[in-house]
Amino acid sequence: MASNPRNGRPYRRLVAAVKALGAPCARCGHNIDPALNARHPLSFTLDHVVPLSRGGDLLDPANARSMHRRCNSARGNRMGPQPLKTTRRW
C-alpha cells in the first residue's frame, strides 16, 4: 500500500518554509494569522499554482504559495487568474 506523500517529511518541510515567509493570501491579499487552528476558514494552507490534478509538482517550491483555507477551497483545481468575488454594496 502506497503512503500519502503529503504526510512525508519533504512536504512538511515545504509547508513550514512557505508558512515562515509570512506572505499574504495569494487569492484575496489579506494577511494569514499563523496562530489559527488548522480547521479555521482563515488559517494557512499551502496552495499549488499548477494543481496536482493537472500535473503540478507536489514538492516544487516554485509551485507553492500561501492561501487561506477558504480561498484555497474556493479556487479548487482551476488555473489562471480568477476575479475576486464582489458584492453590489461595494
PDB file of N, CA and C in Angstrom:
ATOM      1  N   MET A   1       0.850  -1.179   0.000  1.00  0.00           N
ATOM      2  CA  MET A   1       0.000   0.000   0.000  1.00  0.00           C
ATOM      3  C   MET A   1       0.892   1.238   0.000  1.00  0.00           C
ATOM      4  N   ALA A   2       0.633   2.142  -0.904  1.00  0.00           N
ATOM      5  CA  ALA A   2       1.420   3.367  -1.019  1.00  0.00           C
ATOM      6  C   ALA A   2       1.018   4.361   0.066  1.00  0.00           C
ATOM      7  N   SER A   3       1.999   5.072   0.578  1.00  0.00           N
ATOM      8  CA  SER A   3       1.707   6.060   1.619  1.00  0.00           C
ATOM      9  C   SER A   3       1.355   7.402   0.983  1.00  0.00           C
ATOM     10  N   ASN A   4       0.735   8.253   1.751  1.00  0.00           N
ATOM     11  CA  ASN A   4       0.338   9.578   1.290  1.00  0.00           C
ATOM     12  C   ASN A   4       1.574  10.482   1.280  1.00  0.00           C
ATOM     13  N   PRO A   5       1.976  11.032   0.123  1.00  0.00           N
ATOM     14  CA  PRO A   5       3.180  11.872   0.082  1.00  0.00           C
ATOM     15  C   PRO A   5       3.034  13.177   0.865  1.00  0.00           C
ATOM     16  N   ARG A   6       1.804  13.595   1.181  1.00  0.00           N
ATOM     17  CA  ARG A   6       1.616  14.817   1.957  1.00  0.00           C
ATOM     18  C   ARG A   6       1.916  14.615   3.434  1.00  0.00           C
ATOM     19  N   ASN A   7       2.122  13.389   3.850  1.00  0.00           N
ATOM     20  CA  ASN A   7       2.481  13.119   5.237  1.00  0.00           C
ATOM     21  C   ASN A   7       3.986  12.989   5.421  1.00  0.00           C
ATOM     22  N   GLY A   8       4.735  13.093   4.341  1.00  0.00           N
ATOM     23  CA  GLY A   8       6.179  12.903   4.412  1.00  0.00           C
ATOM     24  C   GLY A   8       6.925  14.140   4.887  1.00  0.00           C
ATOM     25  N   ARG A   9       8.152  13.912   5.279  1.00  0.00           N
ATOM     26  CA  ARG A   9       8.998  14.985   5.783  1.00  0.00           C
ATOM     27  C   ARG A   9       9.276  16.069   4.744  1.00  0.00           C
ATOM     28  N   PRO A  10       9.559  15.738   3.471  1.00  0.00           N
ATOM     29  CA  PRO A  10       9.813  16.805   2.487  1.00  0.00           C
ATOM     30  C   PRO A  10       8.618  17.744   2.316  1.00  0.00           C
ATOM     31  N   TYR A  11       7.415  17.192   2.319  1.00  0.00           N
ATOM     32  CA  TYR A  11       6.231  18.042   2.169  1.00  0.00           C
ATOM     33  C   TYR A  11       6.036  18.924   3.400  1.00  0.00           C
ATOM     34  N   ARG A  12       6.205  18.362   4.588  1.00  0.00           N
ATOM     35  CA  ARG A  12       6.066  19.164   5.813  1.00  0.00           C
ATOM     36  C   ARG A  12       7.118  20.262   5.870  1.00  0.00           C
ATOM     37  N   ARG A  13       8.327  19.973   5.363  1.00  0.00           N
ATOM     38  CA  ARG A  13       9.388  20.975   5.315  1.00  0.00           C
ATOM     39  C   ARG A  13       9.011  22.119   4.372  1.00  0.00           C
ATOM     40  N   LEU A  14       8.421  21.789   3.223  1.00  0.00           N
ATOM     41  CA  LEU A  14       7.986  22.810   2.270  1.00  0.00           C
ATOM     42  C   LEU A  14       6.883  23.674   2.874  1.00  0.00           C
ATOM     43  N   VAL A  15       5.921  23.051   3.543  1.00  0.00           N
ATOM     44  CA  VAL A  15       4.829  23.796   4.182  1.00  0.00           C
ATOM     45  C   VAL A  15       5.401  24.752   5.228  1.00  0.00           C
ATOM     46  N   ALA A  16       6.317  24.274   6.044  1.00  0.00           N
ATOM     47  CA  ALA A  16       6.915  25.119   7.088  1.00  0.00           C
ATOM     48  C   ALA A  16       7.692  26.288   6.476  1.00  0.00           C
ATOM     49  N   ALA A  17       8.398  26.042   5.382  1.00  0.00           N
ATOM     50  CA  ALA A  17       9.179  27.109   4.746  1.00  0.00           C
ATOM     51  C   ALA A  17       8.270  28.185   4.159  1.00  0.00           C
ATOM     52  N   VAL A  18       7.195  27.777   3.495  1.00  0.00           N
ATOM     53  CA  VAL A  18       6.277  28.753   2.903  1.00  0.00           C
ATOM     54  C   VAL A  18       5.537  29.515   3.997  1.00  0.00           C
ATOM     55  N   LYS A  19       5.153  28.818   5.053  1.00  0.00           N
ATOM     56  CA  LYS A  19       4.452  29.466   6.170  1.00  0.00           C
ATOM     57  C   LYS A  19       5.365  30.472   6.876  1.00  0.00           C
ATOM     58  N   ALA A  20       6.650  30.148   6.990  1.00  0.00           N
ATOM     59  CA  ALA A  20       7.610  31.036   7.656  1.00  0.00           C
ATOM     60  C   ALA A  20       7.827  32.337   6.891  1.00  0.00           C
ATOM     61  N   LEU A  21       7.576  32.325   5.591  1.00  0.00           N
ATOM     62  CA  LEU A  21       7.725  33.555   4.811  1.00  0.00           C
ATOM     63  C   LEU A  21       6.732  34.626   5.247  1.00  0.00           C
ATOM     64  N   GLY A  22       5.577  34.209   5.751  1.00  0.00           N
ATOM     65  CA  GLY A  22       4.573  35.162   6.220  1.00  0.00           C
ATOM     66  C   GLY A  22       3.910  35.937   5.101  1.00  0.00           C
ATOM     67  N   ALA A  23       3.865  35.361   3.926  1.00  0.00           N
ATOM     68  CA  ALA A  23       3.255  36.033   2.775  1.00  0.00           C
ATOM     69  C   ALA A  23       1.736  36.100   2.932  1.00  0.00           C
ATOM     70  N   PRO A  24       1.120  37.131   2.379  1.00  0.00           N
ATOM     71  CA  PRO A  24      -0.346  37.202   2.442  1.00  0.00           C
ATOM     72  C   PRO A  24      -0.979  36.172   1.515  1.00  0.00           C
ATOM     73  N   CYS A  25      -2.272  36.030   1.621  1.00  0.00           N
ATOM     74  CA  CYS A  25      -3.019  35.081   0.795  1.00  0.00           C
ATOM     75  C   CYS A  25      -2.853  35.455  -0.681  1.00  0.00           C
ATOM     76  N   ALA A  26      -2.545  34.477  -1.503  1.00  0.00           N
ATOM     77  CA  ALA A  26      -2.323  34.727  -2.924  1.00  0.00           C
ATOM     78  C   ALA A  26      -3.616  35.036  -3.664  1.00  0.00           C
ATOM     79  N   ARG A  27      -4.755  34.731  -3.084  1.00  0.00           N
ATOM     80  CA  ARG A  27      -6.026  34.968  -3.773  1.00  0.00           C
ATOM     81  C   ARG A  27      -6.671  36.278  -3.334  1.00  0.00           C
ATOM     82  N   CYS A  28      -6.810  36.492  -2.015  1.00  0.00           N
ATOM     83  CA  CYS A  28      -7.517  37.690  -1.550  1.00  0.00           C
ATOM     84  C   CYS A  28      -6.576  38.812  -1.117  1.00  0.00           C
ATOM     85  N   GLY A  29      -5.312  38.503  -0.834  1.00  0.00           N
ATOM     86  CA  GLY A  29      -4.342  39.522  -0.467  1.00  0.00           C
ATOM     87  C   GLY A  29      -4.316  39.898   1.005  1.00  0.00           C
ATOM     88  N   HIS A  30      -5.167  39.300   1.838  1.00  0.00           N
ATOM     89  CA  HIS A  30      -5.174  39.596   3.263  1.00  0.00           C
ATOM     90  C   HIS A  30      -4.121  38.756   3.987  1.00  0.00           C
ATOM     91  N   ASN A  31      -3.695  39.251   5.140  1.00  0.00           N
ATOM     92  CA  ASN A  31      -2.713  38.527   5.934  1.00  0.00           C
ATOM     93  C   ASN A  31      -3.314  37.247   6.491  1.00  0.00           C
ATOM     94  N   ILE A  32      -2.451  36.268   6.746  1.00  0.00           N
ATOM     95  CA  ILE A  32      -2.863  34.984   7.286  1.00  0.00           C
ATOM     96  C   ILE A  32      -2.322  34.879   8.700  1.00  0.00           C
ATOM     97  N   ASP A  33      -3.198  34.639   9.659  1.00  0.00           N
ATOM     98  CA  ASP A  33      -2.799  34.505  11.061  1.00  0.00           C
ATOM     99  C   ASP A  33      -2.243  33.104  11.281  1.00  0.00           C
ATOM    100  N   PRO A  34      -0.945  32.974  11.592  1.00  0.00           N
ATOM    101  CA  PRO A  34      -0.362  31.640  11.753  1.00  0.00           C
ATOM    102  C   PRO A  34      -0.816  30.927  13.026  1.00  0.00           C
ATOM    103  N   ALA A  35      -1.426  31.642  13.953  1.00  0.00           N
ATOM    104  CA  ALA A  35      -1.835  31.041  15.215  1.00  0.00           C
ATOM    105  C   ALA A  35      -3.212  30.388  15.156  1.00  0.00           C
ATOM    106  N   LEU A  36      -3.928  30.536  14.059  1.00  0.00           N
ATOM    107  CA  LEU A  36      -5.268  29.963  13.968  1.00  0.00           C
ATOM    108  C   LEU A  36      -5.221  28.447  13.880  1.00  0.00           C
ATOM    109  N   ASN A  37      -6.287  27.825  14.380  1.00  0.00           N
ATOM    110  CA  ASN A  37      -6.450  26.380  14.290  1.00  0.00           C
ATOM    111  C   ASN A  37      -6.466  25.986  12.813  1.00  0.00           C
ATOM    112  N   ALA A  38      -5.913  24.838  12.471  1.00  0.00           N
ATOM    113  CA  ALA A  38      -5.820  24.410  11.073  1.00  0.00           C
ATOM    114  C   ALA A  38      -7.180  24.235  10.414  1.00  0.00           C
ATOM    115  N   ARG A  39      -8.228  24.039  11.177  1.00  0.00           N
ATOM    116  CA  ARG A  39      -9.564  23.864  10.608  1.00  0.00           C
ATOM    117  C   ARG A  39     -10.312  25.184  10.420  1.00  0.00           C
ATOM    118  N   HIS A  40      -9.754  26.270  10.891  1.00  0.00           N
ATOM    119  CA  HIS A  40     -10.397  27.581  10.754  1.00  0.00           C
ATOM    120  C   HIS A  40     -10.374  28.008   9.282  1.00  0.00           C
ATOM    121  N   PRO A  41     -11.463  28.625   8.773  1.00  0.00           N
ATOM    122  CA  PRO A  41     -11.507  29.020   7.352  1.00  0.00           C
ATOM    123  C   PRO A  41     -10.427  30.009   6.939  1.00  0.00           C
ATOM    124  N   LEU A  42      -9.907  30.796   7.876  1.00  0.00           N
ATOM    125  CA  LEU A  42      -8.875  31.784   7.534  1.00  0.00           C
ATOM    126  C   LEU A  42      -7.470  31.327   7.929  1.00  0.00           C
ATOM    127  N   SER A  43      -7.298  30.035   8.206  1.00  0.00           N
ATOM    128  CA  SER A  43      -5.986  29.516   8.570  1.00  0.00           C
ATOM    129  C   SER A  43      -5.124  29.310   7.319  1.00  0.00           C
ATOM    130  N   PHE A  44      -3.851  29.061   7.535  1.00  0.00           N
ATOM    131  CA  PHE A  44      -2.886  28.868   6.451  1.00  0.00           C
ATOM    132  C   PHE A  44      -3.066  27.508   5.788  1.00  0.00           C
ATOM    133  N   THR A  45      -3.024  27.488   4.466  1.00  0.00           N
ATOM    134  CA  THR A  45      -2.885  26.246   3.712  1.00  0.00           C
ATOM    135  C   THR A  45      -1.903  26.496   2.570  1.00  0.00           C
ATOM    136  N   LEU A  46      -1.279  25.437   2.141  1.00  0.00           N
ATOM    137  CA  LEU A  46      -0.356  25.519   1.015  1.00  0.00           C
ATOM    138  C   LEU A  46      -1.144  25.301  -0.265  1.00  0.00           C
ATOM    139  N   ASP A  47      -1.049  26.248  -1.184  1.00  0.00           N
ATOM    140  CA  ASP A  47      -1.721  26.131  -2.467  1.00  0.00           C
ATOM    141  C   ASP A  47      -0.683  25.857  -3.542  1.00  0.00           C
ATOM    142  N   HIS A  48      -1.073  25.108  -4.546  1.00  0.00           N
ATOM    143  CA  HIS A  48      -0.189  24.828  -5.671  1.00  0.00           C
ATOM    144  C   HIS A  48      -0.653  25.633  -6.874  1.00  0.00           C
ATOM    145  N   VAL A  49       0.261  26.396  -7.471  1.00  0.00           N
ATOM    146  CA  VAL A  49      -0.053  27.239  -8.616  1.00  0.00           C
ATOM    147  C   VAL A  49      -0.629  26.379  -9.744  1.00  0.00           C
ATOM    148  N   VAL A  50       0.064  25.320 -10.083  1.00  0.00           N
ATOM    149  CA  VAL A  50      -0.456  24.325 -11.026  1.00  0.00           C
ATOM    150  C   VAL A  50      -1.010  23.192 -10.160  1.00  0.00           C
ATOM    151  N   PRO A  51      -2.323  23.005 -10.148  1.00  0.00           N
ATOM    152  CA  PRO A  51      -2.915  21.988  -9.274  1.00  0.00           C
ATOM    153  C   PRO A  51      -2.325  20.599  -9.521  1.00  0.00           C
ATOM    154  N   LEU A  52      -2.255  19.823  -8.458  1.00  0.00           N
ATOM    155  CA  LEU A  52      -1.702  18.482  -8.559  1.00  0.00           C
ATOM    156  C   LEU A  52      -2.503  17.625  -9.532  1.00  0.00           C
ATOM    157  N   SER A  53      -3.813  17.857  -9.598  1.00  0.00           N
ATOM    158  CA  SER A  53      -4.655  17.079 -10.500  1.00  0.00           C
ATOM    159  C   SER A  53      -4.405  17.422 -11.967  1.00  0.00           C
ATOM    160  N   ARG A  54      -3.692  18.521 -12.202  1.00  0.00           N
ATOM    161  CA  ARG A  54      -3.369  18.926 -13.578  1.00  0.00           C
ATOM    162  C   ARG A  54      -1.886  18.805 -13.880  1.00  0.00           C
ATOM    163  N   GLY A  55      -1.188  18.012 -13.067  1.00  0.00           N
ATOM    164  CA  GLY A  55       0.221  17.738 -13.342  1.00  0.00           C
ATOM    165  C   GLY A  55       1.212  18.577 -12.575  1.00  0.00           C
ATOM    166  N   GLY A  56       0.767  19.351 -11.593  1.00  0.00           N
ATOM    167  CA  GLY A  56       1.688  20.150 -10.794  1.00  0.00           C
ATOM    168  C   GLY A  56       2.539  19.289  -9.886  1.00  0.00           C
ATOM    169  N   ASP A  57       3.712  19.790  -9.536  1.00  0.00           N
ATOM    170  CA  ASP A  57       4.638  19.052  -8.685  1.00  0.00           C
ATOM    171  C   ASP A  57       4.350  19.343  -7.219  1.00  0.00           C
ATOM    172  N   LEU A  58       4.216  18.300  -6.428  1.00  0.00           N
ATOM    173  CA  LEU A  58       3.884  18.422  -5.014  1.00  0.00           C
ATOM    174  C   LEU A  58       4.977  19.126  -4.223  1.00  0.00           C
ATOM    175  N   LEU A  59       6.233  18.866  -4.541  1.00  0.00           N
ATOM    176  CA  LEU A  59       7.343  19.356  -3.727  1.00  0.00           C
ATOM    177  C   LEU A  59       8.139  20.499  -4.359  1.00  0.00           C
ATOM    178  N   ASP A  60       7.670  21.072  -5.442  1.00  0.00           N
ATOM    179  CA  ASP A  60       8.382  22.160  -6.112  1.00  0.00           C
ATOM    180  C   ASP A  60       8.084  23.483  -5.396  1.00  0.00           C
ATOM    181  N   PRO A  61       9.086  24.145  -4.827  1.00  0.00           N
ATOM    182  CA  PRO A  61       8.846  25.415  -4.135  1.00  0.00           C
ATOM    183  C   PRO A  61       8.295  26.507  -5.055  1.00  0.00           C
ATOM    184  N   ALA A  62       8.606  26.445  -6.341  1.00  0.00           N
ATOM    185  CA  ALA A  62       8.090  27.442  -7.280  1.00  0.00           C
ATOM    186  C   ALA A  62       6.599  27.232  -7.545  1.00  0.00           C
ATOM    187  N   ASN A  63       6.077  26.069  -7.191  1.00  0.00           N
ATOM    188  CA  ASN A  63       4.674  25.753  -7.406  1.00  0.00           C
ATOM    189  C   ASN A  63       3.861  25.941  -6.123  1.00  0.00           C
ATOM    190  N   ALA A  64       4.477  26.423  -5.061  1.00  0.00           N
ATOM    191  CA  ALA A  64       3.813  26.545  -3.766  1.00  0.00           C
ATOM    192  C   ALA A  64       3.613  28.011  -3.385  1.00  0.00           C
ATOM    193  N   ARG A  65       2.472  28.295  -2.795  1.00  0.00           N
ATOM    194  CA  ARG A  65       2.196  29.644  -2.280  1.00  0.00           C
ATOM    195  C   ARG A  65       1.207  29.519  -1.127  1.00  0.00           C
ATOM    196  N   SER A  66       1.113  30.577  -0.335  1.00  0.00           N
ATOM    197  CA  SER A  66       0.242  30.544   0.833  1.00  0.00           C
ATOM    198  C   SER A  66      -1.151  31.051   0.476  1.00  0.00           C
ATOM    199  N   MET A  67      -2.156  30.444   1.119  1.00  0.00           N
ATOM    200  CA  MET A  67      -3.546  30.838   0.919  1.00  0.00           C
ATOM    201  C   MET A  67      -4.352  30.522   2.164  1.00  0.00           C
ATOM    202  N   HIS A  68      -5.438  31.265   2.323  1.00  0.00           N
ATOM    203  CA  HIS A  68      -6.398  30.908   3.362  1.00  0.00           C
ATOM    204  C   HIS A  68      -7.061  29.593   2.970  1.00  0.00           C
ATOM    205  N   ARG A  69      -7.503  28.831   3.946  1.00  0.00           N
ATOM    206  CA  ARG A  69      -8.201  27.573   3.671  1.00  0.00           C
ATOM    207  C   ARG A  69      -9.440  27.832   2.822  1.00  0.00           C
ATOM    208  N   ARG A  70     -10.195  28.873   3.161  1.00  0.00           N
ATOM    209  CA  ARG A  70     -11.419  29.191   2.423  1.00  0.00           C
ATOM    210  C   ARG A  70     -11.107  29.580   0.974  1.00  0.00           C
ATOM    211  N   CYS A  71     -10.076  30.382   0.764  1.00  0.00           N
ATOM    212  CA  CYS A  71      -9.707  30.811  -0.587  1.00  0.00           C
ATOM    213  C   CYS A  71      -9.208  29.628  -1.419  1.00  0.00           C
ATOM    214  N   ASN A  72      -8.448  28.745  -0.789  1.00  0.00           N
ATOM    215  CA  ASN A  72      -7.928  27.582  -1.491  1.00  0.00           C
ATOM    216  C   ASN A  72      -9.067  26.641  -1.895  1.00  0.00           C
ATOM    217  N   SER A  73     -10.037  26.465  -1.026  1.00  0.00           N
ATOM    218  CA  SER A  73     -11.179  25.605  -1.342  1.00  0.00           C
ATOM    219  C   SER A  73     -12.022  26.207  -2.456  1.00  0.00           C
ATOM    220  N   ALA A  74     -12.185  27.534  -2.431  1.00  0.00           N
ATOM    221  CA  ALA A  74     -12.982  28.197  -3.461  1.00  0.00           C
ATOM    222  C   ALA A  74     -12.282  28.139  -4.822  1.00  0.00           C
ATOM    223  N   ARG A  75     -10.959  28.139  -4.831  1.00  0.00           N
ATOM    224  CA  ARG A  75     -10.205  28.087  -6.079  1.00  0.00           C
ATOM    225  C   ARG A  75     -10.323  26.719  -6.743  1.00  0.00           C
ATOM    226  N   GLY A  76     -10.363  25.661  -5.932  1.00  0.00           N
ATOM    227  CA  GLY A  76     -10.460  24.324  -6.491  1.00  0.00           C
ATOM    228  C   GLY A  76      -9.234  23.973  -7.308  1.00  0.00           C
ATOM    229  N   ASN A  77      -9.439  23.324  -8.452  1.00  0.00           N
ATOM    230  CA  ASN A  77      -8.298  22.961  -9.296  1.00  0.00           C
ATOM    231  C   ASN A  77      -8.230  23.818 -10.554  1.00  0.00           C
ATOM    232  N   ARG A  78      -8.825  25.003 -10.496  1.00  0.00           N
ATOM    233  CA  ARG A  78      -8.782  25.917 -11.639  1.00  0.00           C
ATOM    234  C   ARG A  78      -7.412  26.587 -11.730  1.00  0.00           C
ATOM    235  N   MET A  79      -7.047  26.935 -12.946  1.00  0.00           N
ATOM    236  CA  MET A  79      -5.770  27.604 -13.179  1.00  0.00           C
ATOM    237  C   MET A  79      -6.026  28.997 -13.720  1.00  0.00           C
ATOM    238  N   GLY A  80      -5.004  29.831 -13.682  1.00  0.00           N
ATOM    239  CA  GLY A  80      -5.095  31.163 -14.254  1.00  0.00           C
ATOM    240  C   GLY A  80      -5.693  32.172 -13.296  1.00  0.00           C
ATOM    241  N   PRO A  81      -5.726  33.430 -13.718  1.00  0.00           N
ATOM    242  CA  PRO A  81      -6.274  34.474 -12.854  1.00  0.00           C
ATOM    243  C   PRO A  81      -7.774  34.284 -12.660  1.00  0.00           C
ATOM    244  N   GLN A  82      -8.219  34.588 -11.456  1.00  0.00           N
ATOM    245  CA  GLN A  82      -9.633  34.471 -11.142  1.00  0.00           C
ATOM    246  C   GLN A  82     -10.093  35.788 -10.547  1.00  0.00           C
ATOM    247  N   PRO A  83     -11.212  36.282 -10.985  1.00  0.00           N
ATOM    248  CA  PRO A  83     -11.704  37.531 -10.404  1.00  0.00           C
ATOM    249  C   PRO A  83     -12.130  37.319  -8.959  1.00  0.00           C
ATOM    250  N   LEU A  84     -11.870  38.330  -8.145  1.00  0.00           N
ATOM    251  CA  LEU A  84     -12.317  38.271  -6.762  1.00  0.00           C
ATOM    252  C   LEU A  84     -13.818  38.491  -6.714  1.00  0.00           C
ATOM    253  N   LYS A  85     -14.463  37.831  -5.778  1.00  0.00           N
ATOM    254  CA  LYS A  85     -15.899  37.996  -5.644  1.00  0.00           C
ATOM    255  C   LYS A  85     -16.191  39.348  -5.006  1.00  0.00           C
ATOM    256  N   THR A  86     -17.122  40.079  -5.575  1.00  0.00           N
ATOM    257  CA  THR A  86     -17.522  41.366  -5.013  1.00  0.00           C
ATOM    258  C   THR A  86     -19.034  41.356  -4.825  1.00  0.00           C
ATOM    259  N   THR A  87     -19.489  42.281  -4.048  1.00  0.00           N
ATOM    260  CA  THR A  87     -20.927  42.418  -3.839  1.00  0.00           C
ATOM    261  C   THR A  87     -21.406  43.703  -4.494  1.00  0.00           C
ATOM    262  N   ARG A  88     -22.686  43.845  -4.608  1.00  0.00           N
ATOM    263  CA  ARG A  88     -23.225  45.075  -5.195  1.00  0.00           C
ATOM    264  C   ARG A  88     -23.103  46.264  -4.234  1.00  0.00           C
ATOM    265  N   ARG A  89     -22.850  45.978  -2.962  1.00  0.00           N
ATOM    266  CA  ARG A  89     -22.769  47.052  -1.962  1.00  0.00           C
ATOM    267  C   ARG A  89     -21.414  47.718  -1.906  1.00  0.00           C
ATOM    268  N   TRP A  90     -20.432  47.265  -2.627  1.00  0.00           N
ATOM    269  CA  TRP A  90     -19.098  47.855  -2.511  1.00  0.00           C
ATOM    270  C   TRP A  90     -19.058  49.193  -3.138  1.00  0.00           C
TER     271      TRP A  90
END
